[in-house]
């Protein structure tokens, strides 16, 4: 770790939903990404799972003969706990099921390297 690198405490928000979950005419994951973008967050990432199950214990996988169209999706956002808690009620209003976790994380930022 370089002396200019610092660790800072932030919060990681994870939202677990299904690929087919919707908010209005949009897939829910797209609507949630747009919510965080419009609120000025630095970034959000959506991860598409290859397998998983939820509250109903139905197994979803992309390895079956018929491709599952209800694969698990995870949206991740890192910011301060306070900022995430401010937007969380709006995210929850958009959801009809799923799960949200919020945990403390240590973040080390790496500056972009300047290449000659």
N, C-alpha and C. Protein backbone atom coordinates (compact mmCIF):
# COMPACT_ATOMS: atom_id res chain seq x y z
N UNK A 1 0.85 -1.18 0.00
CA UNK A 1 0.00 0.00 0.00
C UNK A 1 0.89 1.24 0.00
N UNK A 2 0.65 2.11 -0.91
CA UNK A 2 1.39 3.36 -1.04
C UNK A 2 0.96 4.30 0.07
N UNK A 3 1.84 5.22 0.48
CA UNK A 3 1.49 6.14 1.56
C UNK A 3 0.34 7.07 1.18
N UNK A 4 0.07 7.23 -0.13
CA UNK A 4 -1.05 8.07 -0.56
C UNK A 4 -2.38 7.31 -0.54
N UNK A 5 -2.30 5.97 -0.48
CA UNK A 5 -3.52 5.16 -0.41
C UNK A 5 -4.05 5.19 1.02
N UNK A 6 -5.35 5.31 1.16
CA UNK A 6 -5.94 5.30 2.48
C UNK A 6 -7.15 4.37 2.48
N UNK A 7 -7.38 3.80 3.63
CA UNK A 7 -8.58 2.99 3.83
C UNK A 7 -9.63 3.87 4.47
N UNK A 8 -10.84 3.82 3.96
CA UNK A 8 -11.92 4.57 4.59
C UNK A 8 -13.11 3.65 4.79
N UNK A 9 -13.82 3.90 5.88
CA UNK A 9 -14.99 3.09 6.15
C UNK A 9 -16.17 3.64 5.37
N UNK A 10 -16.84 2.76 4.67
CA UNK A 10 -18.03 3.08 3.90
C UNK A 10 -19.07 2.01 4.21
N UNK A 11 -20.16 2.01 3.46
CA UNK A 11 -21.19 0.98 3.60
C UNK A 11 -21.45 0.37 2.24
N UNK A 12 -21.73 -0.93 2.23
CA UNK A 12 -22.07 -1.66 1.02
C UNK A 12 -23.53 -2.07 1.10
N UNK A 13 -24.30 -1.59 0.16
CA UNK A 13 -25.72 -1.94 0.05
C UNK A 13 -25.84 -3.00 -1.03
N UNK A 14 -26.46 -4.13 -0.69
CA UNK A 14 -26.73 -5.17 -1.67
C UNK A 14 -28.22 -5.39 -1.74
N UNK A 15 -28.73 -5.42 -2.96
CA UNK A 15 -30.15 -5.67 -3.18
C UNK A 15 -30.26 -6.95 -4.01
N UNK A 16 -30.91 -7.97 -3.45
CA UNK A 16 -31.10 -9.26 -4.10
C UNK A 16 -32.50 -9.31 -4.69
N UNK A 17 -32.58 -9.51 -5.99
CA UNK A 17 -33.88 -9.57 -6.68
C UNK A 17 -33.80 -10.66 -7.74
N UNK A 18 -34.92 -10.86 -8.44
CA UNK A 18 -34.96 -11.80 -9.54
C UNK A 18 -34.87 -11.07 -10.87
N UNK A 19 -34.39 -11.76 -11.87
CA UNK A 19 -34.20 -11.18 -13.19
C UNK A 19 -35.51 -10.67 -13.79
N UNK A 20 -36.62 -11.29 -13.47
CA UNK A 20 -37.91 -10.89 -14.03
C UNK A 20 -38.65 -9.84 -13.21
N UNK A 21 -38.11 -9.45 -12.07
CA UNK A 21 -38.77 -8.43 -11.24
C UNK A 21 -38.82 -7.12 -12.02
N UNK A 22 -39.94 -6.42 -11.90
CA UNK A 22 -40.14 -5.20 -12.67
C UNK A 22 -40.60 -4.06 -11.77
N UNK A 23 -40.35 -2.86 -12.26
CA UNK A 23 -40.88 -1.65 -11.66
C UNK A 23 -41.47 -0.85 -12.82
N UNK A 24 -42.78 -0.85 -12.89
CA UNK A 24 -43.43 -0.22 -14.05
C UNK A 24 -43.07 -0.99 -15.31
N UNK A 25 -42.62 -0.28 -16.33
CA UNK A 25 -42.29 -0.93 -17.60
C UNK A 25 -40.83 -1.36 -17.69
N UNK A 26 -40.02 -1.07 -16.65
CA UNK A 26 -38.59 -1.39 -16.66
C UNK A 26 -38.28 -2.62 -15.82
N UNK A 27 -37.24 -3.37 -16.18
CA UNK A 27 -36.74 -4.36 -15.24
C UNK A 27 -36.33 -3.65 -13.95
N UNK A 28 -36.59 -4.26 -12.81
CA UNK A 28 -36.33 -3.62 -11.53
C UNK A 28 -34.87 -3.22 -11.38
N UNK A 29 -33.95 -4.08 -11.83
CA UNK A 29 -32.54 -3.73 -11.67
C UNK A 29 -32.19 -2.46 -12.44
N UNK A 30 -32.79 -2.25 -13.61
CA UNK A 30 -32.54 -1.02 -14.36
C UNK A 30 -33.12 0.20 -13.64
N UNK A 31 -34.32 0.05 -13.10
CA UNK A 31 -34.96 1.15 -12.37
C UNK A 31 -34.14 1.51 -11.12
N UNK A 32 -33.60 0.51 -10.43
CA UNK A 32 -32.79 0.77 -9.24
C UNK A 32 -31.47 1.46 -9.61
N UNK A 33 -30.82 1.01 -10.68
CA UNK A 33 -29.58 1.66 -11.12
C UNK A 33 -29.87 3.12 -11.46
N UNK A 34 -30.97 3.37 -12.14
CA UNK A 34 -31.32 4.75 -12.50
C UNK A 34 -31.60 5.58 -11.25
N UNK A 35 -32.22 5.00 -10.24
CA UNK A 35 -32.46 5.70 -8.98
C UNK A 35 -31.13 6.16 -8.37
N UNK A 36 -30.18 5.24 -8.25
CA UNK A 36 -28.89 5.59 -7.64
C UNK A 36 -28.12 6.57 -8.51
N UNK A 37 -28.20 6.45 -9.83
CA UNK A 37 -27.53 7.39 -10.73
C UNK A 37 -28.12 8.78 -10.57
N UNK A 38 -29.46 8.86 -10.55
CA UNK A 38 -30.12 10.16 -10.45
C UNK A 38 -29.88 10.83 -9.10
N UNK A 39 -29.56 10.03 -8.08
CA UNK A 39 -29.26 10.58 -6.75
C UNK A 39 -27.80 10.97 -6.60
N UNK A 40 -27.00 10.81 -7.66
CA UNK A 40 -25.62 11.26 -7.64
C UNK A 40 -24.61 10.30 -7.04
N UNK A 41 -24.95 9.03 -6.91
CA UNK A 41 -23.99 8.06 -6.40
C UNK A 41 -22.89 7.85 -7.43
N UNK A 42 -21.70 7.50 -6.95
CA UNK A 42 -20.54 7.35 -7.84
C UNK A 42 -20.68 6.15 -8.76
N UNK A 43 -21.41 5.13 -8.33
CA UNK A 43 -21.55 3.95 -9.18
C UNK A 43 -22.45 2.92 -8.56
N UNK A 44 -22.95 2.04 -9.38
CA UNK A 44 -23.75 0.90 -8.96
C UNK A 44 -23.42 -0.23 -9.93
N UNK A 45 -23.39 -1.45 -9.43
CA UNK A 45 -23.08 -2.60 -10.26
C UNK A 45 -24.17 -3.64 -10.10
N UNK A 46 -24.62 -4.21 -11.22
CA UNK A 46 -25.59 -5.29 -11.20
C UNK A 46 -24.86 -6.56 -11.62
N UNK A 47 -25.01 -7.59 -10.80
CA UNK A 47 -24.40 -8.88 -11.06
C UNK A 47 -25.50 -9.89 -11.35
N UNK A 48 -25.35 -10.65 -12.42
CA UNK A 48 -26.33 -11.68 -12.78
C UNK A 48 -25.80 -13.02 -12.30
N UNK A 49 -26.55 -13.68 -11.45
CA UNK A 49 -26.11 -14.95 -10.90
C UNK A 49 -26.28 -16.09 -11.89
N UNK A 50 -25.47 -17.12 -11.74
CA UNK A 50 -25.61 -18.31 -12.58
C UNK A 50 -26.51 -19.34 -11.93
N UNK A 51 -26.74 -19.19 -10.63
CA UNK A 51 -27.63 -20.11 -9.93
C UNK A 51 -28.01 -19.50 -8.59
N UNK A 52 -29.15 -19.94 -8.06
CA UNK A 52 -29.55 -19.49 -6.75
C UNK A 52 -30.99 -19.88 -6.45
N UNK A 53 -31.41 -19.61 -5.21
CA UNK A 53 -32.79 -19.80 -4.82
C UNK A 53 -33.14 -18.75 -3.81
N UNK A 54 -34.42 -18.48 -3.67
CA UNK A 54 -34.88 -17.46 -2.75
C UNK A 54 -35.82 -18.02 -1.71
N UNK A 55 -36.73 -17.18 -1.25
CA UNK A 55 -37.63 -17.53 -0.15
C UNK A 55 -38.50 -18.74 -0.46
N UNK A 56 -38.83 -18.95 -1.73
CA UNK A 56 -39.70 -20.07 -2.10
C UNK A 56 -38.91 -21.34 -2.39
N UNK A 57 -37.60 -21.29 -2.26
CA UNK A 57 -36.70 -22.42 -2.44
C UNK A 57 -36.76 -23.04 -3.84
N UNK A 58 -37.18 -22.28 -4.82
CA UNK A 58 -37.15 -22.74 -6.20
C UNK A 58 -35.76 -22.49 -6.74
N UNK A 59 -35.13 -23.54 -7.24
CA UNK A 59 -33.76 -23.44 -7.75
C UNK A 59 -33.78 -22.89 -9.16
N UNK A 60 -33.01 -21.84 -9.39
CA UNK A 60 -32.89 -21.22 -10.71
C UNK A 60 -31.44 -21.35 -11.16
N UNK A 61 -31.23 -21.80 -12.37
CA UNK A 61 -29.88 -21.95 -12.88
C UNK A 61 -29.85 -21.73 -14.38
N UNK A 62 -28.69 -21.37 -14.89
CA UNK A 62 -28.54 -21.23 -16.34
C UNK A 62 -27.99 -22.51 -16.95
N UNK A 63 -27.87 -23.56 -16.16
CA UNK A 63 -27.30 -24.81 -16.64
C UNK A 63 -28.33 -25.88 -16.99
N UNK A 64 -29.58 -25.61 -16.79
CA UNK A 64 -30.61 -26.57 -17.16
C UNK A 64 -30.84 -26.56 -18.66
N UNK A 65 -31.46 -27.61 -19.17
CA UNK A 65 -31.74 -27.65 -20.61
C UNK A 65 -32.55 -26.46 -21.06
N UNK A 66 -33.56 -26.11 -20.30
CA UNK A 66 -34.31 -24.88 -20.60
C UNK A 66 -33.64 -23.77 -19.82
N UNK A 67 -33.28 -22.72 -20.50
CA UNK A 67 -32.61 -21.62 -19.81
C UNK A 67 -33.58 -20.93 -18.87
N UNK A 68 -33.17 -20.76 -17.65
CA UNK A 68 -34.01 -20.07 -16.68
C UNK A 68 -34.04 -18.59 -17.02
N UNK A 69 -35.22 -18.01 -16.96
CA UNK A 69 -35.32 -16.57 -17.19
C UNK A 69 -35.54 -15.83 -15.88
N UNK A 70 -35.34 -16.52 -14.78
CA UNK A 70 -35.53 -15.91 -13.47
C UNK A 70 -34.27 -16.10 -12.63
N UNK A 71 -33.14 -15.75 -13.22
CA UNK A 71 -31.88 -15.89 -12.50
C UNK A 71 -31.76 -14.81 -11.43
N UNK A 72 -30.96 -15.09 -10.39
CA UNK A 72 -30.78 -14.08 -9.34
C UNK A 72 -29.97 -12.90 -9.85
N UNK A 73 -30.32 -11.72 -9.36
CA UNK A 73 -29.61 -10.49 -9.67
C UNK A 73 -29.23 -9.84 -8.35
N UNK A 74 -28.04 -9.26 -8.31
CA UNK A 74 -27.58 -8.55 -7.12
C UNK A 74 -27.09 -7.17 -7.56
N UNK A 75 -27.65 -6.15 -6.96
CA UNK A 75 -27.20 -4.78 -7.22
C UNK A 75 -26.36 -4.34 -6.03
N UNK A 76 -25.17 -3.80 -6.30
CA UNK A 76 -24.29 -3.34 -5.23
C UNK A 76 -23.98 -1.86 -5.39
N UNK A 77 -24.00 -1.16 -4.27
CA UNK A 77 -23.68 0.27 -4.23
C UNK A 77 -22.84 0.52 -2.97
N UNK A 78 -21.74 1.26 -3.12
CA UNK A 78 -20.89 1.61 -1.98
C UNK A 78 -20.92 3.13 -1.81
N UNK A 79 -21.19 3.56 -0.59
CA UNK A 79 -21.19 4.99 -0.27
C UNK A 79 -21.24 5.09 1.25
N UNK A 80 -21.51 6.27 1.77
CA UNK A 80 -21.64 6.40 3.22
C UNK A 80 -22.96 5.76 3.65
N UNK A 81 -22.97 5.28 4.88
CA UNK A 81 -24.18 4.67 5.43
C UNK A 81 -25.34 5.66 5.41
N UNK A 82 -25.05 6.91 5.73
CA UNK A 82 -26.10 7.93 5.79
C UNK A 82 -26.74 8.16 4.42
N UNK A 83 -25.91 8.27 3.39
CA UNK A 83 -26.46 8.49 2.03
C UNK A 83 -27.29 7.30 1.57
N UNK A 84 -26.78 6.09 1.84
CA UNK A 84 -27.53 4.90 1.44
C UNK A 84 -28.85 4.80 2.19
N UNK A 85 -28.84 5.12 3.47
CA UNK A 85 -30.07 5.06 4.26
C UNK A 85 -31.09 6.11 3.81
N UNK A 86 -30.61 7.23 3.25
CA UNK A 86 -31.54 8.25 2.75
C UNK A 86 -32.32 7.77 1.53
N UNK A 87 -31.67 7.01 0.64
CA UNK A 87 -32.33 6.58 -0.59
C UNK A 87 -33.00 5.21 -0.43
N UNK A 88 -32.66 4.50 0.62
CA UNK A 88 -33.19 3.15 0.83
C UNK A 88 -34.72 3.07 0.84
N UNK A 89 -35.45 3.98 1.50
CA UNK A 89 -36.92 3.89 1.46
C UNK A 89 -37.48 3.96 0.04
N UNK A 90 -36.87 4.76 -0.83
CA UNK A 90 -37.34 4.85 -2.22
C UNK A 90 -37.07 3.54 -2.96
N UNK A 91 -35.93 2.92 -2.69
CA UNK A 91 -35.62 1.63 -3.32
C UNK A 91 -36.60 0.57 -2.84
N UNK A 92 -36.89 0.57 -1.55
CA UNK A 92 -37.81 -0.42 -0.99
C UNK A 92 -39.22 -0.28 -1.57
N UNK A 93 -39.65 0.95 -1.83
CA UNK A 93 -40.97 1.17 -2.43
C UNK A 93 -41.06 0.57 -3.83
N UNK A 94 -39.95 0.46 -4.52
CA UNK A 94 -39.92 -0.07 -5.88
C UNK A 94 -39.97 -1.59 -5.91
N UNK A 95 -39.67 -2.22 -4.78
CA UNK A 95 -39.52 -3.67 -4.73
C UNK A 95 -40.80 -4.36 -4.28
N UNK A 96 -41.00 -5.55 -4.82
CA UNK A 96 -42.10 -6.42 -4.42
C UNK A 96 -41.49 -7.79 -4.11
N UNK A 97 -40.74 -7.85 -3.02
CA UNK A 97 -39.99 -9.06 -2.68
C UNK A 97 -38.50 -8.78 -2.81
N UNK A 98 -37.71 -9.79 -2.51
CA UNK A 98 -36.27 -9.64 -2.55
C UNK A 98 -35.70 -9.46 -1.17
N UNK A 99 -34.45 -9.03 -1.11
CA UNK A 99 -33.78 -8.85 0.17
C UNK A 99 -32.74 -7.74 0.01
N UNK A 100 -32.55 -6.98 1.09
CA UNK A 100 -31.55 -5.91 1.10
C UNK A 100 -30.64 -6.13 2.30
N UNK A 101 -29.34 -6.00 2.06
CA UNK A 101 -28.38 -6.03 3.16
C UNK A 101 -27.56 -4.76 3.13
N UNK A 102 -27.08 -4.36 4.29
CA UNK A 102 -26.24 -3.18 4.43
C UNK A 102 -25.14 -3.56 5.40
N UNK A 103 -23.88 -3.41 4.97
CA UNK A 103 -22.78 -3.79 5.84
C UNK A 103 -21.64 -2.78 5.74
N UNK A 104 -20.84 -2.74 6.78
CA UNK A 104 -19.67 -1.86 6.78
C UNK A 104 -18.58 -2.51 5.95
N UNK A 105 -17.88 -1.68 5.18
CA UNK A 105 -16.75 -2.16 4.38
C UNK A 105 -15.62 -1.15 4.48
N UNK A 106 -14.41 -1.63 4.27
CA UNK A 106 -13.25 -0.75 4.16
C UNK A 106 -12.93 -0.60 2.69
N UNK A 107 -12.77 0.63 2.25
CA UNK A 107 -12.55 0.93 0.84
C UNK A 107 -11.16 1.52 0.66
N UNK A 108 -10.43 0.97 -0.28
CA UNK A 108 -9.15 1.55 -0.68
C UNK A 108 -9.32 2.01 -2.12
N UNK A 109 -9.14 3.28 -2.35
CA UNK A 109 -9.27 3.83 -3.70
C UNK A 109 -7.91 3.85 -4.37
N UNK A 110 -7.91 3.46 -5.63
CA UNK A 110 -6.67 3.46 -6.41
C UNK A 110 -6.81 4.51 -7.50
N UNK A 111 -5.90 5.47 -7.51
CA UNK A 111 -5.97 6.49 -8.59
C UNK A 111 -5.64 5.84 -9.93
N UNK A 112 -6.23 6.40 -10.98
CA UNK A 112 -5.89 5.92 -12.32
C UNK A 112 -4.42 6.19 -12.56
N UNK A 113 -3.75 5.21 -13.15
CA UNK A 113 -2.32 5.41 -13.43
C UNK A 113 -2.18 6.26 -14.68
N UNK A 114 -1.17 7.10 -14.66
CA UNK A 114 -0.90 7.91 -15.85
C UNK A 114 0.17 7.21 -16.65
N UNK A 115 -0.21 6.72 -17.81
CA UNK A 115 0.72 5.97 -18.65
C UNK A 115 1.29 6.89 -19.72
N UNK A 116 2.55 6.74 -19.96
CA UNK A 116 3.22 7.58 -20.94
C UNK A 116 3.08 7.00 -22.32
